[in-house]
Amino acid sequence: MSDTLDSITIGAQVGAFLPMLTAIVQRPAWSAEVKKAVAVALALIAGVGTVLVAGGWQQLQDGPQACTTILAVIAAAQSTYDLIWKPTTIAPVIESLTSRNSQEPAE
């Protein structure tokens, strides 16, 4: 039982900060569907990475334990985005700042 709680805790910690990293990748011009797909894909990648870092290949081979960690990352990322990052407009500001065209116009 303690391993499950550890997995949920680690997954929630990673997921809480994942929306900030996701905002760096996403662009304001993308459709809502594309943004959702990117967010879910990054959460899955972060979840698998969390499993590997926290427990190595052995934990990845433990299906229920790995799924618990991955689902905790996804749940925490979505809930913190909806409750913190989006209402405070931090995520949209990061998207705007990282999507600006860095090239100067030709004279």
PDB file of N, CA and C in Angstrom:
ATOM      1  N   MET A   1       0.819  -1.194   0.000  1.00  0.00           N
ATOM      2  CA  MET A   1       0.000   0.000   0.000  1.00  0.00           C
ATOM      3  C   MET A   1       0.861   1.255   0.000  1.00  0.00           C
ATOM      4  N   SER A   2       1.980   1.207   0.700  1.00  0.00           N
ATOM      5  CA  SER A   2       2.865   2.366   0.771  1.00  0.00           C
ATOM      6  C   SER A   2       3.444   2.697  -0.601  1.00  0.00           C
ATOM      7  N   ASP A   3       3.740   1.664  -1.396  1.00  0.00           N
ATOM      8  CA  ASP A   3       4.265   1.895  -2.742  1.00  0.00           C
ATOM      9  C   ASP A   3       3.248   2.623  -3.609  1.00  0.00           C
ATOM     10  N   THR A   4       1.986   2.284  -3.451  1.00  0.00           N
ATOM     11  CA  THR A   4       0.941   2.943  -4.224  1.00  0.00           C
ATOM     12  C   THR A   4       0.829   4.413  -3.846  1.00  0.00           C
ATOM     13  N   LEU A   5       0.878   4.693  -2.566  1.00  0.00           N
ATOM     14  CA  LEU A   5       0.813   6.089  -2.123  1.00  0.00           C
ATOM     15  C   LEU A   5       2.030   6.875  -2.587  1.00  0.00           C
ATOM     16  N   ASP A   6       3.193   6.244  -2.568  1.00  0.00           N
ATOM     17  CA  ASP A   6       4.399   6.901  -3.076  1.00  0.00           C
ATOM     18  C   ASP A   6       4.256   7.210  -4.562  1.00  0.00           C
ATOM     19  N   SER A   7       3.711   6.278  -5.310  1.00  0.00           N
ATOM     20  CA  SER A   7       3.517   6.480  -6.748  1.00  0.00           C
ATOM     21  C   SER A   7       2.563   7.639  -7.012  1.00  0.00           C
ATOM     22  N   ILE A   8       1.478   7.692  -6.262  1.00  0.00           N
ATOM     23  CA  ILE A   8       0.502   8.768  -6.436  1.00  0.00           C
ATOM     24  C   ILE A   8       1.132  10.114  -6.069  1.00  0.00           C
ATOM     25  N   THR A   9       1.893  10.137  -4.996  1.00  0.00           N
ATOM     26  CA  THR A   9       2.528  11.379  -4.559  1.00  0.00           C
ATOM     27  C   THR A   9       3.532  11.891  -5.582  1.00  0.00           C
ATOM     28  N   ILE A  10       4.382  11.016  -6.052  1.00  0.00           N
ATOM     29  CA  ILE A  10       5.378  11.424  -7.056  1.00  0.00           C
ATOM     30  C   ILE A  10       4.691  11.858  -8.338  1.00  0.00           C
ATOM     31  N   GLY A  11       3.691  11.110  -8.765  1.00  0.00           N
ATOM     32  CA  GLY A  11       2.955  11.463  -9.974  1.00  0.00           C
ATOM     33  C   GLY A  11       2.256  12.803  -9.856  1.00  0.00           C
ATOM     34  N   ALA A  12       1.687  13.066  -8.684  1.00  0.00           N
ATOM     35  CA  ALA A  12       1.000  14.344  -8.468  1.00  0.00           C
ATOM     36  C   ALA A  12       1.982  15.508  -8.470  1.00  0.00           C
ATOM     37  N   GLN A  13       3.155  15.303  -7.918  1.00  0.00           N
ATOM     38  CA  GLN A  13       4.163  16.365  -7.913  1.00  0.00           C
ATOM     39  C   GLN A  13       4.625  16.703  -9.325  1.00  0.00           C
ATOM     40  N   VAL A  14       4.866  15.694 -10.125  1.00  0.00           N
ATOM     41  CA  VAL A  14       5.277  15.927 -11.511  1.00  0.00           C
ATOM     42  C   VAL A  14       4.136  16.587 -12.281  1.00  0.00           C
ATOM     43  N   GLY A  15       2.934  16.082 -12.112  1.00  0.00           N
ATOM     44  CA  GLY A  15       1.780  16.615 -12.818  1.00  0.00           C
ATOM     45  C   GLY A  15       1.446  18.047 -12.458  1.00  0.00           C
ATOM     46  N   ALA A  16       1.753  18.449 -11.239  1.00  0.00           N
ATOM     47  CA  ALA A  16       1.432  19.810 -10.807  1.00  0.00           C
ATOM     48  C   ALA A  16       2.219  20.860 -11.589  1.00  0.00           C
ATOM     49  N   PHE A  17       3.423  20.535 -11.995  1.00  0.00           N
ATOM     50  CA  PHE A  17       4.249  21.495 -12.728  1.00  0.00           C
ATOM     51  C   PHE A  17       4.279  21.238 -14.232  1.00  0.00           C
ATOM     52  N   LEU A  18       3.685  20.144 -14.659  1.00  0.00           N
ATOM     53  CA  LEU A  18       3.676  19.816 -16.086  1.00  0.00           C
ATOM     54  C   LEU A  18       2.955  20.849 -16.948  1.00  0.00           C
ATOM     55  N   PRO A  19       1.847  21.463 -16.519  1.00  0.00           N
ATOM     56  CA  PRO A  19       1.195  22.465 -17.371  1.00  0.00           C
ATOM     57  C   PRO A  19       2.108  23.641 -17.733  1.00  0.00           C
ATOM     58  N   MET A  20       3.009  23.998 -16.849  1.00  0.00           N
ATOM     59  CA  MET A  20       3.932  25.082 -17.154  1.00  0.00           C
ATOM     60  C   MET A  20       4.877  24.669 -18.291  1.00  0.00           C
ATOM     61  N   LEU A  21       5.340  23.448 -18.259  1.00  0.00           N
ATOM     62  CA  LEU A  21       6.209  22.958 -19.333  1.00  0.00           C
ATOM     63  C   LEU A  21       5.426  22.738 -20.626  1.00  0.00           C
ATOM     64  N   THR A  22       4.180  22.297 -20.489  1.00  0.00           N
ATOM     65  CA  THR A  22       3.329  22.101 -21.659  1.00  0.00           C
ATOM     66  C   THR A  22       3.068  23.433 -22.359  1.00  0.00           C
ATOM     67  N   ALA A  23       2.910  24.498 -21.590  1.00  0.00           N
ATOM     68  CA  ALA A  23       2.656  25.824 -22.168  1.00  0.00           C
ATOM     69  C   ALA A  23       3.823  26.300 -23.018  1.00  0.00           C
ATOM     70  N   ILE A  24       5.021  25.838 -22.720  1.00  0.00           N
ATOM     71  CA  ILE A  24       6.189  26.212 -23.525  1.00  0.00           C
ATOM     72  C   ILE A  24       6.086  25.606 -24.918  1.00  0.00           C
ATOM     73  N   VAL A  25       5.542  24.409 -25.012  1.00  0.00           N
ATOM     74  CA  VAL A  25       5.440  23.704 -26.291  1.00  0.00           C
ATOM     75  C   VAL A  25       4.244  24.185 -27.104  1.00  0.00           C
ATOM     76  N   GLN A  26       3.130  24.443 -26.439  1.00  0.00           N
ATOM     77  CA  GLN A  26       1.897  24.787 -27.150  1.00  0.00           C
ATOM     78  C   GLN A  26       1.927  26.201 -27.716  1.00  0.00           C
ATOM     79  N   ARG A  27       1.094  26.414 -28.729  1.00  0.00           N
ATOM     80  CA  ARG A  27       0.985  27.709 -29.389  1.00  0.00           C
ATOM     81  C   ARG A  27      -0.453  28.202 -29.302  1.00  0.00           C
ATOM     82  N   PRO A  28      -0.642  29.505 -29.109  1.00  0.00           N
ATOM     83  CA  PRO A  28      -1.998  30.054 -28.994  1.00  0.00           C
ATOM     84  C   PRO A  28      -2.866  29.807 -30.227  1.00  0.00           C
ATOM     85  N   ALA A  29      -2.271  29.705 -31.392  1.00  0.00           N
ATOM     86  CA  ALA A  29      -3.030  29.534 -32.629  1.00  0.00           C
ATOM     87  C   ALA A  29      -3.556  28.113 -32.808  1.00  0.00           C
ATOM     88  N   TRP A  30      -3.091  27.173 -32.036  1.00  0.00           N
ATOM     89  CA  TRP A  30      -3.545  25.789 -32.178  1.00  0.00           C
ATOM     90  C   TRP A  30      -4.997  25.658 -31.729  1.00  0.00           C
ATOM     91  N   SER A  31      -5.698  24.715 -32.332  1.00  0.00           N
ATOM     92  CA  SER A  31      -7.086  24.454 -31.931  1.00  0.00           C
ATOM     93  C   SER A  31      -7.115  23.786 -30.555  1.00  0.00           C
ATOM     94  N   ALA A  32      -8.273  23.817 -29.937  1.00  0.00           N
ATOM     95  CA  ALA A  32      -8.428  23.213 -28.614  1.00  0.00           C
ATOM     96  C   ALA A  32      -8.143  21.714 -28.652  1.00  0.00           C
ATOM     97  N   GLU A  33      -8.531  21.054 -29.738  1.00  0.00           N
ATOM     98  CA  GLU A  33      -8.306  19.614 -29.855  1.00  0.00           C
ATOM     99  C   GLU A  33      -6.817  19.296 -29.918  1.00  0.00           C
ATOM    100  N   VAL A  34      -6.073  20.092 -30.669  1.00  0.00           N
ATOM    101  CA  VAL A  34      -4.627  19.867 -30.782  1.00  0.00           C
ATOM    102  C   VAL A  34      -3.957  20.127 -29.437  1.00  0.00           C
ATOM    103  N   LYS A  35      -4.371  21.185 -28.751  1.00  0.00           N
ATOM    104  CA  LYS A  35      -3.799  21.487 -27.439  1.00  0.00           C
ATOM    105  C   LYS A  35      -4.057  20.352 -26.448  1.00  0.00           C
ATOM    106  N   LYS A  36      -5.272  19.796 -26.483  1.00  0.00           N
ATOM    107  CA  LYS A  36      -5.596  18.679 -25.591  1.00  0.00           C
ATOM    108  C   LYS A  36      -4.743  17.463 -25.912  1.00  0.00           C
ATOM    109  N   ALA A  37      -4.597  17.171 -27.208  1.00  0.00           N
ATOM    110  CA  ALA A  37      -3.799  16.015 -27.616  1.00  0.00           C
ATOM    111  C   ALA A  37      -2.347  16.172 -27.187  1.00  0.00           C
ATOM    112  N   VAL A  38      -1.800  17.364 -27.357  1.00  0.00           N
ATOM    113  CA  VAL A  38      -0.416  17.621 -26.947  1.00  0.00           C
ATOM    114  C   VAL A  38      -0.282  17.484 -25.435  1.00  0.00           C
ATOM    115  N   ALA A  39      -1.226  18.033 -24.688  1.00  0.00           N
ATOM    116  CA  ALA A  39      -1.176  17.965 -23.228  1.00  0.00           C
ATOM    117  C   ALA A  39      -1.239  16.519 -22.741  1.00  0.00           C
ATOM    118  N   VAL A  40      -2.123  15.718 -23.332  1.00  0.00           N
ATOM    119  CA  VAL A  40      -2.241  14.314 -22.927  1.00  0.00           C
ATOM    120  C   VAL A  40      -0.981  13.546 -23.310  1.00  0.00           C
ATOM    121  N   ALA A  41      -0.460  13.784 -24.508  1.00  0.00           N
ATOM    122  CA  ALA A  41       0.762  13.093 -24.938  1.00  0.00           C
ATOM    123  C   ALA A  41       1.933  13.426 -24.021  1.00  0.00           C
ATOM    124  N   LEU A  42       2.086  14.706 -23.686  1.00  0.00           N
ATOM    125  CA  LEU A  42       3.173  15.095 -22.783  1.00  0.00           C
ATOM    126  C   LEU A  42       2.974  14.515 -21.388  1.00  0.00           C
ATOM    127  N   ALA A  43       1.731  14.437 -20.936  1.00  0.00           N
ATOM    128  CA  ALA A  43       1.459  13.846 -19.622  1.00  0.00           C
ATOM    129  C   ALA A  43       1.788  12.352 -19.617  1.00  0.00           C
ATOM    130  N   LEU A  44       1.464  11.667 -20.709  1.00  0.00           N
ATOM    131  CA  LEU A  44       1.816  10.243 -20.805  1.00  0.00           C
ATOM    132  C   LEU A  44       3.330  10.046 -20.801  1.00  0.00           C
ATOM    133  N   ILE A  45       4.023  10.880 -21.565  1.00  0.00           N
ATOM    134  CA  ILE A  45       5.487  10.793 -21.606  1.00  0.00           C
ATOM    135  C   ILE A  45       6.071  11.099 -20.229  1.00  0.00           C
ATOM    136  N   ALA A  46       5.563  12.140 -19.582  1.00  0.00           N
ATOM    137  CA  ALA A  46       6.039  12.486 -18.243  1.00  0.00           C
ATOM    138  C   ALA A  46       5.710  11.381 -17.239  1.00  0.00           C
ATOM    139  N   GLY A  47       4.564  10.754 -17.407  1.00  0.00           N
ATOM    140  CA  GLY A  47       4.186   9.659 -16.511  1.00  0.00           C
ATOM    141  C   GLY A  47       5.113   8.465 -16.647  1.00  0.00           C
ATOM    142  N   VAL A  48       5.412   8.083 -17.877  1.00  0.00           N
ATOM    143  CA  VAL A  48       6.345   6.968 -18.098  1.00  0.00           C
ATOM    144  C   VAL A  48       7.735   7.341 -17.587  1.00  0.00           C
ATOM    145  N   GLY A  49       8.143   8.580 -17.847  1.00  0.00           N
ATOM    146  CA  GLY A  49       9.438   9.039 -17.338  1.00  0.00           C
ATOM    147  C   GLY A  49       9.490   9.011 -15.819  1.00  0.00           C
ATOM    148  N   THR A  50       8.399   9.397 -15.191  1.00  0.00           N
ATOM    149  CA  THR A  50       8.331   9.374 -13.727  1.00  0.00           C
ATOM    150  C   THR A  50       8.442   7.952 -13.203  1.00  0.00           C
ATOM    151  N   VAL A  51       7.769   7.035 -13.859  1.00  0.00           N
ATOM    152  CA  VAL A  51       7.849   5.627 -13.454  1.00  0.00           C
ATOM    153  C   VAL A  51       9.287   5.144 -13.560  1.00  0.00           C
ATOM    154  N   LEU A  52       9.950   5.464 -14.668  1.00  0.00           N
ATOM    155  CA  LEU A  52      11.325   4.998 -14.862  1.00  0.00           C
ATOM    156  C   LEU A  52      12.288   5.623 -13.856  1.00  0.00           C
ATOM    157  N   VAL A  53      12.127   6.909 -13.592  1.00  0.00           N
ATOM    158  CA  VAL A  53      13.026   7.579 -12.647  1.00  0.00           C
ATOM    159  C   VAL A  53      12.776   7.101 -11.218  1.00  0.00           C
ATOM    160  N   ALA A  54      11.507   6.945 -10.859  1.00  0.00           N
ATOM    161  CA  ALA A  54      11.167   6.579  -9.488  1.00  0.00           C
ATOM    162  C   ALA A  54      11.458   5.117  -9.174  1.00  0.00           C
ATOM    163  N   GLY A  55      11.215   4.236 -10.146  1.00  0.00           N
ATOM    164  CA  GLY A  55      11.352   2.820  -9.842  1.00  0.00           C
ATOM    165  C   GLY A  55      12.118   2.002 -10.841  1.00  0.00           C
ATOM    166  N   GLY A  56      12.552   2.610 -11.910  1.00  0.00           N
ATOM    167  CA  GLY A  56      13.310   1.879 -12.911  1.00  0.00           C
ATOM    168  C   GLY A  56      12.447   0.927 -13.716  1.00  0.00           C
ATOM    169  N   TRP A  57      13.120   0.045 -14.440  1.00  0.00           N
ATOM    170  CA  TRP A  57      12.423  -0.905 -15.307  1.00  0.00           C
ATOM    171  C   TRP A  57      11.529  -1.850 -14.519  1.00  0.00           C
ATOM    172  N   GLN A  58      11.911  -2.145 -13.271  1.00  0.00           N
ATOM    173  CA  GLN A  58      11.096  -3.061 -12.471  1.00  0.00           C
ATOM    174  C   GLN A  58       9.708  -2.490 -12.225  1.00  0.00           C
ATOM    175  N   GLN A  59       9.637  -1.195 -11.910  1.00  0.00           N
ATOM    176  CA  GLN A  59       8.326  -0.591 -11.662  1.00  0.00           C
ATOM    177  C   GLN A  59       7.529  -0.493 -12.956  1.00  0.00           C
ATOM    178  N   LEU A  60       8.213  -0.275 -14.070  1.00  0.00           N
ATOM    179  CA  LEU A  60       7.512  -0.208 -15.355  1.00  0.00           C
ATOM    180  C   LEU A  60       6.879  -1.551 -15.699  1.00  0.00           C
ATOM    181  N   GLN A  61       7.511  -2.635 -15.264  1.00  0.00           N
ATOM    182  CA  GLN A  61       6.972  -3.965 -15.529  1.00  0.00           C
ATOM    183  C   GLN A  61       5.822  -4.313 -14.586  1.00  0.00           C
ATOM    184  N   ASP A  62       5.678  -3.582 -13.483  1.00  0.00           N
ATOM    185  CA  ASP A  62       4.558  -3.778 -12.564  1.00  0.00           C
ATOM    186  C   ASP A  62       3.391  -2.941 -13.082  1.00  0.00           C
ATOM    187  N   GLY A  63       2.532  -3.546 -13.863  1.00  0.00           N
ATOM    188  CA  GLY A  63       1.457  -2.841 -14.551  1.00  0.00           C
ATOM    189  C   GLY A  63       0.602  -1.931 -13.690  1.00  0.00           C
ATOM    190  N   PRO A  64       0.010  -2.448 -12.613  1.00  0.00           N
ATOM    191  CA  PRO A  64      -0.843  -1.583 -11.786  1.00  0.00           C
ATOM    192  C   PRO A  64      -0.078  -0.405 -11.173  1.00  0.00           C
ATOM    193  N   GLN A  65       1.131  -0.654 -10.726  1.00  0.00           N
ATOM    194  CA  GLN A  65       1.931   0.415 -10.117  1.00  0.00           C
ATOM    195  C   GLN A  65       2.275   1.485 -11.146  1.00  0.00           C
ATOM    196  N   ALA A  66       2.680   1.061 -12.341  1.00  0.00           N
ATOM    197  CA  ALA A  66       3.018   2.012 -13.403  1.00  0.00           C
ATOM    198  C   ALA A  66       1.788   2.810 -13.829  1.00  0.00           C
ATOM    199  N   CYS A  67       0.662   2.142 -13.974  1.00  0.00           N
ATOM    200  CA  CYS A  67      -0.576   2.836 -14.357  1.00  0.00           C
ATOM    201  C   CYS A  67      -0.999   3.847 -13.304  1.00  0.00           C
ATOM    202  N   THR A  68      -0.818   3.507 -12.039  1.00  0.00           N
ATOM    203  CA  THR A  68      -1.164   4.433 -10.965  1.00  0.00           C
ATOM    204  C   THR A  68      -0.338   5.713 -11.074  1.00  0.00           C
ATOM    205  N   THR A  69       0.943   5.568 -11.311  1.00  0.00           N
ATOM    206  CA  THR A  69       1.816   6.737 -11.428  1.00  0.00           C
ATOM    207  C   THR A  69       1.452   7.574 -12.650  1.00  0.00           C
ATOM    208  N   ILE A  70       1.259   6.922 -13.779  1.00  0.00           N
ATOM    209  CA  ILE A  70       0.927   7.633 -15.019  1.00  0.00           C
ATOM    210  C   ILE A  70      -0.410   8.362 -14.881  1.00  0.00           C
ATOM    211  N   LEU A  71      -1.402   7.696 -14.319  1.00  0.00           N
ATOM    212  CA  LEU A  71      -2.707   8.325 -14.129  1.00  0.00           C
ATOM    213  C   LEU A  71      -2.633   9.476 -13.122  1.00  0.00           C
ATOM    214  N   ALA A  72      -1.781   9.359 -12.119  1.00  0.00           N
ATOM    215  CA  ALA A  72      -1.616  10.455 -11.160  1.00  0.00           C
ATOM    216  C   ALA A  72      -1.016  11.679 -11.840  1.00  0.00           C
ATOM    217  N   VAL A  73      -0.069  11.465 -12.744  1.00  0.00           N
ATOM    218  CA  VAL A  73       0.514  12.587 -13.492  1.00  0.00           C
ATOM    219  C   VAL A  73      -0.552  13.262 -14.343  1.00  0.00           C
ATOM    220  N   ILE A  74      -1.323  12.475 -15.074  1.00  0.00           N
ATOM    221  CA  ILE A  74      -2.368  13.024 -15.945  1.00  0.00           C
ATOM    222  C   ILE A  74      -3.412  13.782 -15.119  1.00  0.00           C
ATOM    223  N   ALA A  75      -3.875  13.188 -14.033  1.00  0.00           N
ATOM    224  CA  ALA A  75      -4.905  13.823 -13.206  1.00  0.00           C
ATOM    225  C   ALA A  75      -4.399  15.112 -12.569  1.00  0.00           C
ATOM    226  N   ALA A  76      -3.191  15.085 -12.056  1.00  0.00           N
ATOM    227  CA  ALA A  76      -2.645  16.284 -11.415  1.00  0.00           C
ATOM    228  C   ALA A  76      -2.387  17.378 -12.435  1.00  0.00           C
ATOM    229  N   ALA A  77      -1.902  17.009 -13.608  1.00  0.00           N
ATOM    230  CA  ALA A  77      -1.645  18.016 -14.644  1.00  0.00           C
ATOM    231  C   ALA A  77      -2.940  18.698 -15.061  1.00  0.00           C
ATOM    232  N   GLN A  78      -3.977  17.929 -15.295  1.00  0.00           N
ATOM    233  CA  GLN A  78      -5.246  18.506 -15.728  1.00  0.00           C
ATOM    234  C   GLN A  78      -5.884  19.342 -14.630  1.00  0.00           C
ATOM    235  N   SER A  79      -5.887  18.824 -13.425  1.00  0.00           N
ATOM    236  CA  SER A  79      -6.555  19.570 -12.345  1.00  0.00           C
ATOM    237  C   SER A  79      -5.795  20.842 -11.977  1.00  0.00           C
ATOM    238  N   THR A  80      -4.476  20.800 -11.941  1.00  0.00           N
ATOM    239  CA  THR A  80      -3.742  22.024 -11.621  1.00  0.00           C
ATOM    240  C   THR A  80      -3.832  23.036 -12.756  1.00  0.00           C
ATOM    241  N   TYR A  81      -3.917  22.557 -13.997  1.00  0.00           N
ATOM    242  CA  TYR A  81      -4.105  23.496 -15.106  1.00  0.00           C
ATOM    243  C   TYR A  81      -5.450  24.195 -14.965  1.00  0.00           C
ATOM    244  N   ASP A  82      -6.508  23.425 -14.717  1.00  0.00           N
ATOM    245  CA  ASP A  82      -7.855  24.003 -14.600  1.00  0.00           C
ATOM    246  C   ASP A  82      -8.013  24.890 -13.367  1.00  0.00           C
ATOM    247  N   LEU A  83      -7.362  24.529 -12.274  1.00  0.00           N
ATOM    248  CA  LEU A  83      -7.561  25.258 -11.023  1.00  0.00           C
ATOM    249  C   LEU A  83      -6.560  26.391 -10.787  1.00  0.00           C
ATOM    250  N   ILE A  84      -5.352  26.270 -11.329  1.00  0.00           N
ATOM    251  CA  ILE A  84      -4.313  27.262 -11.024  1.00  0.00           C
ATOM    252  C   ILE A  84      -3.775  27.958 -12.270  1.00  0.00           C
ATOM    253  N   TRP A  85      -3.225  27.181 -13.189  1.00  0.00           N
ATOM    254  CA  TRP A  85      -2.485  27.773 -14.306  1.00  0.00           C
ATOM    255  C   TRP A  85      -3.376  28.564 -15.257  1.00  0.00           C
ATOM    256  N   LYS A  86      -4.531  28.041 -15.604  1.00  0.00           N
ATOM    257  CA  LYS A  86      -5.412  28.731 -16.545  1.00  0.00           C
ATOM    258  C   LYS A  86      -6.078  29.975 -15.933  1.00  0.00           C
ATOM    259  N   PRO A  87      -6.687  29.889 -14.750  1.00  0.00           N
ATOM    260  CA  PRO A  87      -7.327  31.086 -14.183  1.00  0.00           C
ATOM    261  C   PRO A  87      -6.355  32.228 -13.892  1.00  0.00           C
ATOM    262  N   THR A  88      -5.125  31.908 -13.539  1.00  0.00           N
ATOM    263  CA  THR A  88      -4.146  32.961 -13.256  1.00  0.00           C
ATOM    264  C   THR A  88      -3.506  33.491 -14.528  1.00  0.00           C
ATOM    265  N   THR A  89      -3.867  32.933 -15.654  1.00  0.00           N
ATOM    266  CA  THR A  89      -3.358  33.274 -16.989  1.00  0.00           C
ATOM    267  C   THR A  89      -1.849  33.091 -17.125  1.00  0.00           C
ATOM    268  N   ILE A  90      -1.246  32.327 -16.253  1.00  0.00           N
ATOM    269  CA  ILE A  90       0.188  32.051 -16.379  1.00  0.00           C
ATOM    270  C   ILE A  90       0.462  31.198 -17.612  1.00  0.00           C
ATOM    271  N   ALA A  91      -0.306  30.128 -17.803  1.00  0.00           N
ATOM    272  CA  ALA A  91      -0.079  29.248 -18.949  1.00  0.00           C
ATOM    273  C   ALA A  91      -0.284  29.977 -20.282  1.00  0.00           C
ATOM    274  N   PRO A  92      -1.371  30.733 -20.467  1.00  0.00           N
ATOM    275  CA  PRO A  92      -1.523  31.457 -21.728  1.00  0.00           C
ATOM    276  C   PRO A  92      -0.410  32.486 -21.972  1.00  0.00           C
ATOM    277  N   VAL A  93       0.076  33.118 -20.909  1.00  0.00           N
ATOM    278  CA  VAL A  93       1.164  34.082 -21.074  1.00  0.00           C
ATOM    279  C   VAL A  93       2.441  33.362 -21.526  1.00  0.00           C
ATOM    280  N   ILE A  94       2.724  32.216 -20.936  1.00  0.00           N
ATOM    281  CA  ILE A  94       3.901  31.440 -21.341  1.00  0.00           C
ATOM    282  C   ILE A  94       3.765  31.021 -22.798  1.00  0.00           C
ATOM    283  N   GLU A  95       2.566  30.571 -23.202  1.00  0.00           N
ATOM    284  CA  GLU A  95       2.343  30.198 -24.606  1.00  0.00           C
ATOM    285  C   GLU A  95       2.637  31.372 -25.524  1.00  0.00           C
ATOM    286  N   SER A  96       2.144  32.537 -25.170  1.00  0.00           N
ATOM    287  CA  SER A  96       2.356  33.724 -26.004  1.00  0.00           C
ATOM    288  C   SER A  96       3.826  34.102 -26.079  1.00  0.00           C
ATOM    289  N   LEU A  97       4.505  34.069 -24.948  1.00  0.00           N
ATOM    290  CA  LEU A  97       5.915  34.464 -24.924  1.00  0.00           C
ATOM    291  C   LEU A  97       6.807  33.502 -25.698  1.00  0.00           C
ATOM    292  N   THR A  98       6.506  32.221 -25.622  1.00  0.00           N
ATOM    293  CA  THR A  98       7.351  31.237 -26.297  1.00  0.00           C
ATOM    294  C   THR A  98       6.988  31.043 -27.764  1.00  0.00           C
ATOM    295  N   SER A  99       5.891  31.625 -28.203  1.00  0.00           N
ATOM    296  CA  SER A  99       5.498  31.456 -29.601  1.00  0.00           C
ATOM    297  C   SER A  99       5.763  32.691 -30.442  1.00  0.00           C
ATOM    298  N   ARG A 100       6.307  33.729 -29.856  1.00  0.00           N
ATOM    299  CA  ARG A 100       6.602  34.928 -30.622  1.00  0.00           C
ATOM    300  C   ARG A 100       7.670  34.629 -31.668  1.00  0.00           C
ATOM    301  N   ASN A 101       7.525  35.299 -32.786  1.00  0.00           N
ATOM    302  CA  ASN A 101       8.506  35.147 -33.856  1.00  0.00           C
ATOM    303  C   ASN A 101       9.763  35.922 -33.453  1.00  0.00           C
ATOM    304  N   SER A 102      10.854  35.221 -33.323  1.00  0.00           N
ATOM    305  CA  SER A 102      12.085  35.863 -32.849  1.00  0.00           C
ATOM    306  C   SER A 102      12.858  36.552 -33.967  1.00  0.00           C
ATOM    307  N   GLN A 103      12.432  36.384 -35.202  1.00  0.00           N
ATOM    308  CA  GLN A 103      13.150  36.996 -36.307  1.00  0.00           C
ATOM    309  C   GLN A 103      12.733  38.444 -36.460  1.00  0.00           C
ATOM    310  N   GLU A 104      13.698  39.293 -36.707  1.00  0.00           N
ATOM    311  CA  GLU A 104      13.420  40.695 -36.963  1.00  0.00           C
ATOM    312  C   GLU A 104      12.952  40.864 -38.398  1.00  0.00           C
ATOM    313  N   PRO A 105      12.028  41.768 -38.661  1.00  0.00           N
ATOM    314  CA  PRO A 105      11.585  41.977 -40.042  1.00  0.00           C
ATOM    315  C   PRO A 105      12.729  42.536 -40.912  1.00  0.00           C
ATOM    316  N   ALA A 106      12.764  42.091 -42.128  1.00  0.00           N
ATOM    317  CA  ALA A 106      13.805  42.531 -43.063  1.00  0.00           C
ATOM    318  C   ALA A 106      13.536  43.975 -43.479  1.00  0.00           C
ATOM    319  N   GLU A 107      14.606  44.735 -43.593  1.00  0.00           N
ATOM    320  CA  GLU A 107      14.454  46.148 -44.002  1.00  0.00           C
ATOM    321  C   GLU A 107      14.813  46.333 -45.439  1.00  0.00           C
TER     322      GLU A 107
END
